[in-house]
Protein backbone atom coordinates (compact mmCIF):
# COMPACT_ATOMS: atom_id res chain seq x y z
CA MET A 1 0.00 0.00 0.00
CA ARG A 2 1.21 3.50 -0.74
CA PRO A 3 1.86 5.73 2.30
CA LEU A 4 -0.91 7.99 3.58
CA ALA A 5 -0.67 11.76 3.87
CA PRO A 6 0.03 12.73 7.52
CA ARG A 7 -3.38 14.39 7.84
CA SER A 8 -5.19 11.27 6.56
CA GLU A 9 -3.18 8.99 8.83
CA LYS A 10 -4.04 11.14 11.85
CA LEU A 11 -7.74 11.12 10.92
CA TYR A 12 -7.79 7.33 10.45
CA ARG A 13 -6.14 6.68 13.81
CA ARG A 14 -8.57 9.02 15.56
CA LEU A 15 -11.59 7.25 14.03
CA LEU A 16 -10.23 3.79 14.92
CA SER A 17 -9.58 4.83 18.53
CA ARG A 18 -13.06 6.31 18.81
CA ALA A 19 -14.75 3.20 17.39
CA PHE A 20 -12.62 0.44 18.91
CA GLY A 21 -10.56 2.02 21.68
CA SER A 22 -7.34 1.34 19.78
CA ALA A 23 -5.81 2.37 16.49
CA ASP A 24 -4.11 -1.01 16.02
CA PRO A 25 -5.74 -4.36 15.14
CA PRO A 26 -7.27 -6.66 16.27
CA PHE A 27 -10.37 -4.49 16.75
CA PHE A 28 -13.30 -5.16 19.05
CA SER A 29 -16.48 -3.11 18.93
CA ARG A 30 -17.02 -0.81 21.90
CA GLY A 31 -20.33 0.86 21.04
CA ASP A 32 -23.20 1.32 18.61
CA LEU A 33 -21.81 2.50 15.26
CA SER A 34 -25.26 2.82 13.67
CA GLN A 35 -25.57 6.38 14.99
CA TRP A 36 -22.45 7.54 13.17
CA PRO A 37 -23.02 9.72 10.08
CA GLU A 38 -22.56 7.76 6.84
CA PRO A 39 -19.50 9.76 5.66
CA GLN A 40 -17.71 8.95 8.94
CA LYS A 41 -18.58 5.26 8.62
CA ASP A 42 -17.17 5.29 5.09
CA LEU A 43 -13.91 6.76 6.43
CA LEU A 44 -13.89 4.19 9.25
CA ARG A 45 -14.20 1.34 6.70
CA ALA A 46 -11.24 2.78 4.79
CA ALA A 47 -9.24 3.05 8.04
CA VAL A 48 -10.00 -0.60 8.93
CA LYS A 49 -8.88 -1.82 5.49
CA ARG A 50 -5.69 0.22 5.81
CA ALA A 51 -4.99 -1.09 9.33
CA TYR A 52 -5.41 -4.76 8.38
CA GLY A 53 -3.51 -4.39 5.11
CA GLU A 54 -3.16 -7.77 3.39
CA ASP A 55 -5.22 -9.58 6.04
CA SER A 56 -8.53 -9.28 4.19
CA THR A 57 -10.16 -12.00 6.31
CA GLY A 58 -9.62 -10.08 9.55
CA ALA A 59 -10.77 -6.85 7.94
CA GLN A 60 -13.98 -8.39 6.55
CA ALA A 61 -15.10 -9.56 9.98
CA ILE A 62 -14.86 -5.98 11.29
CA LEU A 63 -16.34 -4.38 8.17
CA HIS A 64 -19.48 -6.53 8.47
CA GLY A 65 -19.98 -5.04 11.93
CA ILE A 66 -20.10 -1.47 10.62
CA PRO A 67 -23.78 -1.02 9.68
CA ARG A 68 -24.72 0.56 6.39
CA GLY A 69 -27.51 3.11 6.37
CA TYR A 70 -29.84 3.63 3.45
CA ARG A 71 -29.93 7.02 1.85
CA ILE A 72 -30.73 8.64 -1.44
CA GLU A 73 -27.48 9.12 -3.30
CA LYS A 74 -26.81 12.63 -4.53
CA LEU A 75 -24.73 13.47 -7.55
CA ALA A 76 -21.51 15.27 -6.65
CA ARG A 77 -21.79 19.00 -7.29
CA ILE A 78 -19.08 19.62 -9.87
CA PRO A 79 -18.58 23.13 -11.27
CA SER A 80 -19.92 23.44 -14.81
CA GLU A 81 -17.80 25.02 -17.55
CA ASP A 82 -19.88 28.19 -17.15
CA ASP A 83 -19.15 28.26 -13.41
CA ALA A 84 -15.47 27.58 -14.08
CA LEU A 85 -15.24 30.54 -16.47
CA LYS A 86 -16.97 32.81 -13.95
CA TYR A 87 -14.52 31.58 -11.30
CA GLU A 88 -11.55 32.40 -13.54
CA LYS A 89 -12.90 35.88 -14.26
CA ALA A 90 -13.41 36.61 -10.55
CA ALA A 91 -9.97 35.21 -9.63
CA ALA A 92 -8.36 37.54 -12.19
CA LYS A 93 -9.37 40.49 -9.98
CA LEU A 94 -7.34 39.20 -7.03
CA PRO A 95 -3.78 40.35 -6.31
CA LYS A 96 -1.31 38.40 -8.47
CA SER A 97 -0.11 36.23 -5.59
CA LEU A 98 -3.57 35.14 -4.51
CA GLN A 99 -4.66 34.79 -8.13
CA ALA A 100 -2.02 32.11 -8.68
CA MET A 101 -3.00 30.20 -5.53
CA ALA A 102 -6.69 30.32 -6.53
CA ILE A 103 -6.14 29.22 -10.15
CA LEU A 104 -3.26 26.69 -10.06
CA PRO A 105 -5.42 23.72 -8.89
CA MET A 106 -7.55 24.34 -12.00
CA ALA A 107 -4.60 25.07 -14.31
CA LEU A 108 -2.33 22.15 -13.34
CA GLY A 109 -4.58 19.76 -11.40
CA PHE A 110 -2.85 20.20 -8.04
CA ARG A 111 -4.25 18.57 -4.95
CA ALA A 112 -4.47 21.18 -2.17
CA GLU A 113 -1.65 19.54 -0.20
CA GLU A 114 0.58 19.40 -3.29
CA LEU A 115 0.10 23.11 -3.97
CA LEU A 116 0.73 24.11 -0.36
CA ALA A 117 3.89 21.94 -0.18
CA LEU A 118 5.24 23.11 -3.54
CA PRO A 119 8.95 23.98 -3.00
CA ARG A 120 10.34 27.29 -4.24
CA GLU A 121 13.28 25.55 -5.97
CA ALA A 122 10.87 23.49 -8.10
CA VAL A 123 9.01 26.63 -9.23
CA GLU A 124 12.26 28.48 -10.04
CA THR A 125 13.42 25.54 -12.16
CA ALA A 126 10.03 25.35 -13.90
CA VAL A 127 10.16 29.02 -14.87
CA ARG A 128 13.59 28.47 -16.45
CA SER A 129 13.01 25.08 -18.11
CA GLY A 130 9.26 24.95 -18.65
CA GLU A 131 8.95 21.68 -16.70
CA LEU A 132 7.72 21.44 -13.12
CA VAL A 133 9.02 18.42 -11.18
CA PHE A 134 7.46 17.97 -7.75
CA ILE A 135 6.35 15.36 -5.22
CA ARG A 136 2.75 14.19 -5.47
CA LYS A 137 0.50 12.07 -3.26
CA GLY A 138 2.18 8.89 -2.10
CA GLY A 139 5.64 10.47 -2.28
CA ARG A 140 5.99 9.96 -6.04
CA GLU A 141 7.93 12.39 -8.21
CA HIS A 142 5.94 13.78 -11.12
CA ALA A 143 6.66 16.12 -14.05
CA LEU A 144 4.33 18.53 -15.85
CA ARG A 145 5.04 20.92 -18.71
CA VAL A 146 4.00 24.41 -17.55
CA ALA A 147 4.69 26.72 -20.51
CA LYS A 148 1.08 27.94 -20.42
CA SER A 149 1.23 28.71 -16.69
CA LYS A 150 4.64 30.41 -16.48
CA GLU A 151 3.23 33.88 -15.77
CA MET A 152 1.36 32.61 -12.73
CA LEU A 153 4.46 30.79 -11.49
CA ARG A 154 6.53 33.98 -11.93
CA ALA A 155 3.93 35.91 -9.93
CA LEU A 156 4.14 33.23 -7.26
CA LEU A 157 7.93 33.70 -6.98
CA LYS A 158 7.57 37.48 -6.58
CA THR A 159 5.18 37.07 -3.66
CA PRO A 160 6.65 37.20 -0.14
CA ALA A 161 5.63 34.80 2.58
CA LYS A 162 2.82 36.05 4.78
CA GLN A 163 4.21 38.26 7.53
CA ARG A 164 3.90 37.07 11.13
CA ARG A 165 3.79 40.61 12.52
CA HIS A 166 3.53 44.12 11.17
CA LEU A 167 7.23 44.73 11.82
CA ASP A 168 8.43 41.62 9.96
CA LEU A 169 10.29 42.29 6.75
CA PRO A 170 8.97 40.44 3.67
CA GLU A 171 10.64 37.06 3.32
CA GLU A 172 10.82 34.57 0.48
CA TRP A 173 8.59 31.57 0.97
CA ARG A 174 10.09 28.08 1.01
CA HIS A 175 6.81 26.30 0.30
CA ALA A 176 3.88 27.94 -1.46
CA GLY A 177 1.55 27.49 1.52
CA GLU A 178 3.53 30.16 3.38
CA ILE A 179 1.97 32.73 1.05
CA LEU A 180 -1.34 32.08 2.84
CA GLY A 181 0.01 31.62 6.37
CA ARG A 182 2.94 30.55 8.52
CA GLY A 183 1.06 27.95 10.58
CA THR A 184 0.43 24.25 10.08
CA ILE A 185 -0.54 22.61 6.79
CA GLU A 186 -4.10 22.34 8.19
CA SER A 187 -4.34 26.10 8.81
CA GLN A 188 -2.91 26.78 5.34
CA TYR A 189 -5.52 24.47 3.81
CA GLN A 190 -8.26 26.39 5.62
CA ALA A 191 -6.84 29.64 4.23
CA LEU A 192 -6.89 28.14 0.71
CA TYR A 193 -10.48 26.93 1.24
CA ARG A 194 -11.50 30.45 2.32
CA LEU A 195 -9.74 31.93 -0.71
CA VAL A 196 -11.62 29.65 -3.12
CA ALA A 197 -14.90 30.36 -1.30
CA ARG A 198 -14.20 34.10 -1.60
CA VAL A 199 -13.69 33.80 -5.36
CA CYS A 200 -16.92 31.78 -5.68
CA ARG A 201 -18.76 34.48 -3.75
CA GLU A 202 -17.35 37.22 -5.99
CA ALA A 203 -18.27 35.16 -9.07
CA GLY A 204 -21.84 34.68 -7.83
CA ILE A 205 -21.65 30.87 -8.04
CA GLU A 206 -22.21 28.07 -5.54
CA ARG A 207 -19.27 27.67 -3.15
CA PHE A 208 -17.04 24.65 -3.67
CA SER A 209 -13.78 23.30 -2.30
CA PRO A 210 -10.27 23.60 -3.81
CA HIS A 211 -10.45 19.91 -4.75
CA LYS A 212 -13.38 20.56 -7.11
CA LEU A 213 -10.99 22.69 -9.22
CA ARG A 214 -9.03 19.49 -9.82
CA HIS A 215 -12.21 17.93 -11.20
CA VAL A 216 -12.53 20.90 -13.56
CA PHE A 217 -8.95 20.28 -14.73
CA GLY A 218 -9.62 16.61 -15.51
CA THR A 219 -12.93 17.33 -17.24
CA ARG A 220 -11.37 20.03 -19.43
CA LEU A 221 -8.54 17.75 -20.51
CA ASN A 222 -11.06 15.12 -21.55
CA ARG A 223 -13.28 17.70 -23.28
CA ASP A 224 -10.31 19.01 -25.26
CA GLY A 225 -9.59 15.53 -26.63
CA ALA A 226 -6.99 14.10 -24.21
CA SER A 227 -6.99 10.29 -24.04
CA PRO A 228 -8.06 8.68 -20.73
CA PHE A 229 -4.44 7.67 -20.07
CA THR A 230 -3.24 11.25 -20.62
CA VAL A 231 -5.82 12.49 -18.10
CA GLN A 232 -4.70 9.72 -15.72
CA TYR A 233 -1.08 10.85 -16.03
CA ALA A 234 -1.90 14.55 -15.56
CA LEU A 235 -3.99 13.83 -12.46
CA ASN A 236 -1.34 11.39 -11.18
CA HIS A 237 -3.74 8.52 -10.57
CA LYS A 238 -2.43 5.00 -10.04
CA ASN A 239 -5.70 3.44 -11.26
CA ILE A 240 -7.65 4.52 -14.36
CA ARG A 241 -10.88 3.80 -12.45
CA THR A 242 -10.03 6.69 -10.12
CA THR A 243 -9.61 8.97 -13.14
CA GLN A 244 -13.15 8.13 -14.26
CA ARG A 245 -14.49 9.90 -11.18
CA TYR A 246 -12.74 13.13 -12.20
CA VAL A 247 -14.16 13.40 -15.72
CA HIS A 248 -17.70 14.77 -15.94
CA PRO A 249 -18.97 14.98 -19.53
CA GLY A 250 -22.36 16.61 -20.06
CA ALA A 251 -25.10 16.82 -22.67
CA ALA A 252 -23.16 19.41 -24.69
CA ASP A 253 -20.17 17.06 -24.92
CA ALA A 254 -22.33 14.22 -26.26
CA GLU A 255 -24.08 16.54 -28.72
CA LYS A 256 -20.82 17.24 -30.58
CA PHE A 257 -20.69 13.60 -31.70
CA MET A 258 -24.36 13.08 -32.57
CA ARG A 259 -25.30 12.59 -36.21
CA GLU A 260 -28.03 14.57 -37.90
CA PHE A 261 -31.16 12.67 -38.96
């Protein structure tokens, strides 16, 4: 199994301790899990599978004890192309530094954690060479050509890290998240979430999370004719089935290929 992000690992261990009194198998139920919200039970199932690893037999016994509720499934709210264009237009009114942070998940398909952890050296090299090499989820190195995003990356380099106090002199950031704050990765993520929500509000569209911009990136690649495997590479997915969840064709996409009768 590939390693978890520190935030995910911490969340999994907290859920396991809450449900079973321990974050390490073997697990024994210590309460009624039927009252848990369905999203939390889904996360708990994922945590159990991760904890047991290859021991699928042990995991199955515990998973059967986590009750499934019945609910009407809702389609994920993914920004339409019209919403995405409105978002871009509103983001263009931000200061250059914030504009880059608000747009890069849509322009290059960054996960929030990948954008916040982006090292300055990688951006400097990308501006010179046109290729951005950085670490993605699971600790894997990945390369993207960024000729069409160079101006945003240059603006990012010119932006100082957020000052701790009024008297602090502007400093160069080491990781892009420092543009939004000097605290933990969690506090920087919250700052990014608020930034995206602010742009949505200015654009007059329904608020969504930074991760939804990654869905826009994948959908646009597919709409512009990229093969499924190209979209998979750009999104850095290990499994093509994961990529399928990031591509959201609509009626207008199907209409382009319909014959006239």
